[in-house]
Amino acid sequence: MTKREFRSKVVQSGLFSWQVAEKMGVSVDTLMRWQRGGFDGEREQLVLAAIEELKQEQEQAARAWQQGQQSLALAALGGGGKKCK
């Protein structure tokens, strides 16, 4: 994976390089050094896996937030999920 391909994948995922580095357990400097030299097969797989995990975490957080907002709306309307008598 080239530097340009890496940047594209990170940006398209709505992530930042520091997030990918943190998920991989390396410093941003290390990730950038790997990026400059191109990613070999193993590192490329680790990067892609980290990006995918982060995307899934973002999606889960968005769903949880959405569910929380729905619960708040119901509570504000007095529904609170209970049936009316």
N, C-alpha and C. Protein backbone atom coordinates (compact mmCIF):
# COMPACT_ATOMS: atom_id res chain seq x y z
N MET A 1 0.86 -1.17 0.00
CA MET A 1 0.00 0.00 0.00
C MET A 1 0.91 1.23 0.00
N THR A 2 0.61 2.15 -0.89
CA THR A 2 1.39 3.37 -0.97
C THR A 2 0.92 4.39 0.06
N LYS A 3 1.71 5.45 0.22
CA LYS A 3 1.35 6.53 1.14
C LYS A 3 0.01 7.13 0.74
N ARG A 4 -0.19 7.34 -0.55
CA ARG A 4 -1.44 7.93 -1.04
C ARG A 4 -2.64 7.00 -0.76
N GLU A 5 -2.46 5.70 -0.97
CA GLU A 5 -3.54 4.74 -0.70
C GLU A 5 -3.88 4.72 0.79
N PHE A 6 -2.84 4.78 1.63
CA PHE A 6 -3.08 4.81 3.08
C PHE A 6 -3.90 6.03 3.46
N ARG A 7 -3.45 7.21 3.02
CA ARG A 7 -4.17 8.45 3.35
C ARG A 7 -5.62 8.38 2.88
N SER A 8 -5.82 7.86 1.69
CA SER A 8 -7.16 7.75 1.12
C SER A 8 -8.05 6.86 1.99
N LYS A 9 -7.52 5.72 2.41
CA LYS A 9 -8.31 4.80 3.24
C LYS A 9 -8.66 5.42 4.59
N VAL A 10 -7.70 6.12 5.18
CA VAL A 10 -7.93 6.74 6.48
C VAL A 10 -8.98 7.85 6.35
N VAL A 11 -8.82 8.70 5.35
CA VAL A 11 -9.75 9.83 5.17
C VAL A 11 -11.15 9.32 4.81
N GLN A 12 -11.24 8.35 3.92
CA GLN A 12 -12.55 7.81 3.53
C GLN A 12 -13.27 7.18 4.71
N SER A 13 -12.52 6.70 5.67
CA SER A 13 -13.11 6.07 6.85
C SER A 13 -13.48 7.09 7.91
N GLY A 14 -13.14 8.35 7.69
CA GLY A 14 -13.43 9.39 8.67
C GLY A 14 -12.52 9.31 9.89
N LEU A 15 -11.34 8.78 9.70
CA LEU A 15 -10.40 8.59 10.80
C LEU A 15 -9.21 9.53 10.67
N PHE A 16 -8.36 9.48 11.69
CA PHE A 16 -7.10 10.21 11.69
C PHE A 16 -5.97 9.20 11.84
N SER A 17 -4.81 9.55 11.33
CA SER A 17 -3.65 8.65 11.41
C SER A 17 -3.33 8.28 12.86
N TRP A 18 -3.49 9.24 13.78
CA TRP A 18 -3.17 8.94 15.18
C TRP A 18 -4.08 7.85 15.74
N GLN A 19 -5.33 7.79 15.25
CA GLN A 19 -6.25 6.75 15.72
C GLN A 19 -5.78 5.38 15.25
N VAL A 20 -5.34 5.31 14.01
CA VAL A 20 -4.85 4.04 13.46
C VAL A 20 -3.60 3.61 14.23
N ALA A 21 -2.69 4.55 14.46
CA ALA A 21 -1.47 4.23 15.20
C ALA A 21 -1.80 3.73 16.60
N GLU A 22 -2.71 4.43 17.27
CA GLU A 22 -3.10 4.03 18.63
C GLU A 22 -3.71 2.63 18.63
N LYS A 23 -4.58 2.35 17.66
CA LYS A 23 -5.22 1.04 17.58
C LYS A 23 -4.19 -0.06 17.36
N MET A 24 -3.13 0.27 16.59
CA MET A 24 -2.08 -0.71 16.31
C MET A 24 -1.08 -0.84 17.46
N GLY A 25 -1.13 0.12 18.40
CA GLY A 25 -0.19 0.07 19.52
C GLY A 25 1.19 0.59 19.17
N VAL A 26 1.25 1.50 18.17
CA VAL A 26 2.53 2.11 17.79
C VAL A 26 2.38 3.62 17.87
N SER A 27 3.50 4.31 17.84
CA SER A 27 3.45 5.77 17.85
C SER A 27 3.09 6.27 16.45
N VAL A 28 2.63 7.51 16.40
CA VAL A 28 2.33 8.13 15.11
C VAL A 28 3.60 8.22 14.28
N ASP A 29 4.73 8.52 14.94
CA ASP A 29 6.01 8.61 14.23
C ASP A 29 6.35 7.28 13.55
N THR A 30 6.12 6.18 14.25
CA THR A 30 6.39 4.87 13.67
C THR A 30 5.48 4.61 12.47
N LEU A 31 4.22 4.91 12.63
CA LEU A 31 3.27 4.71 11.52
C LEU A 31 3.68 5.56 10.32
N MET A 32 4.07 6.80 10.56
CA MET A 32 4.48 7.68 9.46
C MET A 32 5.77 7.17 8.79
N ARG A 33 6.68 6.63 9.58
CA ARG A 33 7.92 6.06 9.02
C ARG A 33 7.59 4.87 8.13
N TRP A 34 6.68 4.01 8.59
CA TRP A 34 6.24 2.87 7.76
C TRP A 34 5.58 3.37 6.49
N GLN A 35 4.79 4.41 6.65
CA GLN A 35 4.05 4.97 5.51
C GLN A 35 5.02 5.50 4.46
N ARG A 36 6.05 6.21 4.88
CA ARG A 36 7.03 6.76 3.93
C ARG A 36 7.71 5.66 3.14
N GLY A 37 7.99 4.54 3.79
CA GLY A 37 8.68 3.45 3.12
C GLY A 37 7.74 2.49 2.39
N GLY A 38 6.45 2.71 2.51
CA GLY A 38 5.49 1.77 1.94
C GLY A 38 5.27 0.64 2.93
N PHE A 39 4.08 0.10 2.93
CA PHE A 39 3.76 -0.96 3.88
C PHE A 39 4.02 -2.31 3.22
N ASP A 40 4.76 -3.17 3.93
CA ASP A 40 4.95 -4.53 3.42
C ASP A 40 3.67 -5.33 3.69
N GLY A 41 3.61 -6.55 3.28
CA GLY A 41 2.39 -7.36 3.39
C GLY A 41 1.82 -7.45 4.79
N GLU A 42 2.68 -7.76 5.77
CA GLU A 42 2.20 -7.94 7.15
C GLU A 42 1.72 -6.62 7.74
N ARG A 43 2.50 -5.58 7.57
CA ARG A 43 2.11 -4.27 8.11
C ARG A 43 0.86 -3.74 7.43
N GLU A 44 0.76 -3.99 6.13
CA GLU A 44 -0.44 -3.55 5.41
C GLU A 44 -1.67 -4.22 5.98
N GLN A 45 -1.58 -5.51 6.27
CA GLN A 45 -2.73 -6.23 6.85
C GLN A 45 -3.07 -5.70 8.23
N LEU A 46 -2.05 -5.36 9.02
CA LEU A 46 -2.29 -4.79 10.35
C LEU A 46 -2.98 -3.44 10.25
N VAL A 47 -2.54 -2.61 9.31
CA VAL A 47 -3.14 -1.29 9.11
C VAL A 47 -4.59 -1.44 8.67
N LEU A 48 -4.83 -2.29 7.69
CA LEU A 48 -6.20 -2.49 7.20
C LEU A 48 -7.12 -3.03 8.29
N ALA A 49 -6.60 -3.95 9.11
CA ALA A 49 -7.39 -4.49 10.22
C ALA A 49 -7.71 -3.40 11.24
N ALA A 50 -6.74 -2.55 11.54
CA ALA A 50 -6.96 -1.46 12.50
C ALA A 50 -8.01 -0.49 11.98
N ILE A 51 -7.94 -0.16 10.69
CA ILE A 51 -8.92 0.75 10.10
C ILE A 51 -10.31 0.12 10.16
N GLU A 52 -10.41 -1.14 9.84
CA GLU A 52 -11.72 -1.82 9.87
C GLU A 52 -12.29 -1.86 11.28
N GLU A 53 -11.45 -2.18 12.27
CA GLU A 53 -11.92 -2.21 13.66
C GLU A 53 -12.41 -0.84 14.10
N LEU A 54 -11.67 0.20 13.75
CA LEU A 54 -12.06 1.56 14.12
C LEU A 54 -13.38 1.95 13.46
N LYS A 55 -13.55 1.57 12.21
CA LYS A 55 -14.81 1.87 11.52
C LYS A 55 -15.98 1.17 12.22
N GLN A 56 -15.78 -0.08 12.61
CA GLN A 56 -16.84 -0.82 13.31
C GLN A 56 -17.14 -0.17 14.66
N GLU A 57 -16.11 0.26 15.37
CA GLU A 57 -16.32 0.93 16.65
C GLU A 57 -17.11 2.23 16.47
N GLN A 58 -16.79 2.97 15.41
CA GLN A 58 -17.53 4.21 15.13
C GLN A 58 -19.00 3.91 14.85
N GLU A 59 -19.25 2.87 14.07
CA GLU A 59 -20.63 2.51 13.74
C GLU A 59 -21.39 2.08 14.98
N GLN A 60 -20.76 1.32 15.86
CA GLN A 60 -21.40 0.90 17.10
C GLN A 60 -21.70 2.11 17.98
N ALA A 61 -20.77 3.03 18.06
CA ALA A 61 -20.97 4.24 18.88
C ALA A 61 -22.12 5.07 18.31
N ALA A 62 -22.19 5.16 17.00
CA ALA A 62 -23.27 5.93 16.37
C ALA A 62 -24.62 5.28 16.64
N ARG A 63 -24.68 3.95 16.57
CA ARG A 63 -25.94 3.25 16.87
C ARG A 63 -26.35 3.45 18.32
N ALA A 64 -25.38 3.36 19.23
CA ALA A 64 -25.67 3.54 20.65
C ALA A 64 -26.16 4.96 20.91
N TRP A 65 -25.53 5.94 20.28
CA TRP A 65 -25.96 7.33 20.44
C TRP A 65 -27.37 7.51 19.92
N GLN A 66 -27.64 6.92 18.78
CA GLN A 66 -28.97 7.04 18.17
C GLN A 66 -30.04 6.40 19.08
N GLN A 67 -29.73 5.25 19.63
CA GLN A 67 -30.67 4.59 20.54
C GLN A 67 -30.89 5.44 21.79
N GLY A 68 -29.84 6.05 22.28
CA GLY A 68 -29.96 6.92 23.45
C GLY A 68 -30.82 8.12 23.15
N GLN A 69 -30.67 8.68 21.96
CA GLN A 69 -31.49 9.83 21.57
C GLN A 69 -32.95 9.43 21.46
N GLN A 70 -33.22 8.25 20.95
CA GLN A 70 -34.61 7.78 20.84
C GLN A 70 -35.21 7.60 22.23
N SER A 71 -34.42 7.06 23.15
CA SER A 71 -34.91 6.87 24.52
C SER A 71 -35.20 8.21 25.18
N LEU A 72 -34.34 9.18 24.95
CA LEU A 72 -34.56 10.52 25.52
C LEU A 72 -35.83 11.14 24.95
N ALA A 73 -36.05 10.96 23.66
CA ALA A 73 -37.24 11.53 23.02
C ALA A 73 -38.50 10.89 23.60
N LEU A 74 -38.47 9.58 23.79
CA LEU A 74 -39.63 8.90 24.38
C LEU A 74 -39.88 9.38 25.80
N ALA A 75 -38.81 9.53 26.56
CA ALA A 75 -38.97 9.99 27.94
C ALA A 75 -39.51 11.42 27.97
N ALA A 76 -39.07 12.26 27.06
CA ALA A 76 -39.54 13.64 27.01
C ALA A 76 -41.02 13.71 26.65
N LEU A 77 -41.46 12.73 25.86
CA LEU A 77 -42.88 12.69 25.48
C LEU A 77 -43.72 12.00 26.55
N GLY A 78 -43.06 11.50 27.57
CA GLY A 78 -43.78 10.83 28.65
C GLY A 78 -44.02 9.37 28.39
N GLY A 79 -43.50 8.86 27.27
CA GLY A 79 -43.68 7.45 26.93
C GLY A 79 -42.83 6.55 27.79
N GLY A 80 -41.56 6.87 27.79
CA GLY A 80 -40.63 6.10 28.61
C GLY A 80 -40.66 4.61 28.34
N GLY A 81 -41.28 4.21 27.24
CA GLY A 81 -41.35 2.80 26.90
C GLY A 81 -42.47 2.04 27.61
N LYS A 82 -43.25 2.72 28.44
CA LYS A 82 -44.34 2.05 29.18
C LYS A 82 -45.63 2.23 28.40
N LYS A 83 -46.48 1.24 28.52
CA LYS A 83 -47.79 1.34 27.88
C LYS A 83 -48.72 2.22 28.71
N CYS A 84 -49.52 2.98 28.01
CA CYS A 84 -50.51 3.82 28.71
C CYS A 84 -51.70 2.98 29.14
N LYS A 85 -52.31 3.34 30.27
CA LYS A 85 -53.46 2.60 30.77
C LYS A 85 -54.73 3.20 30.22
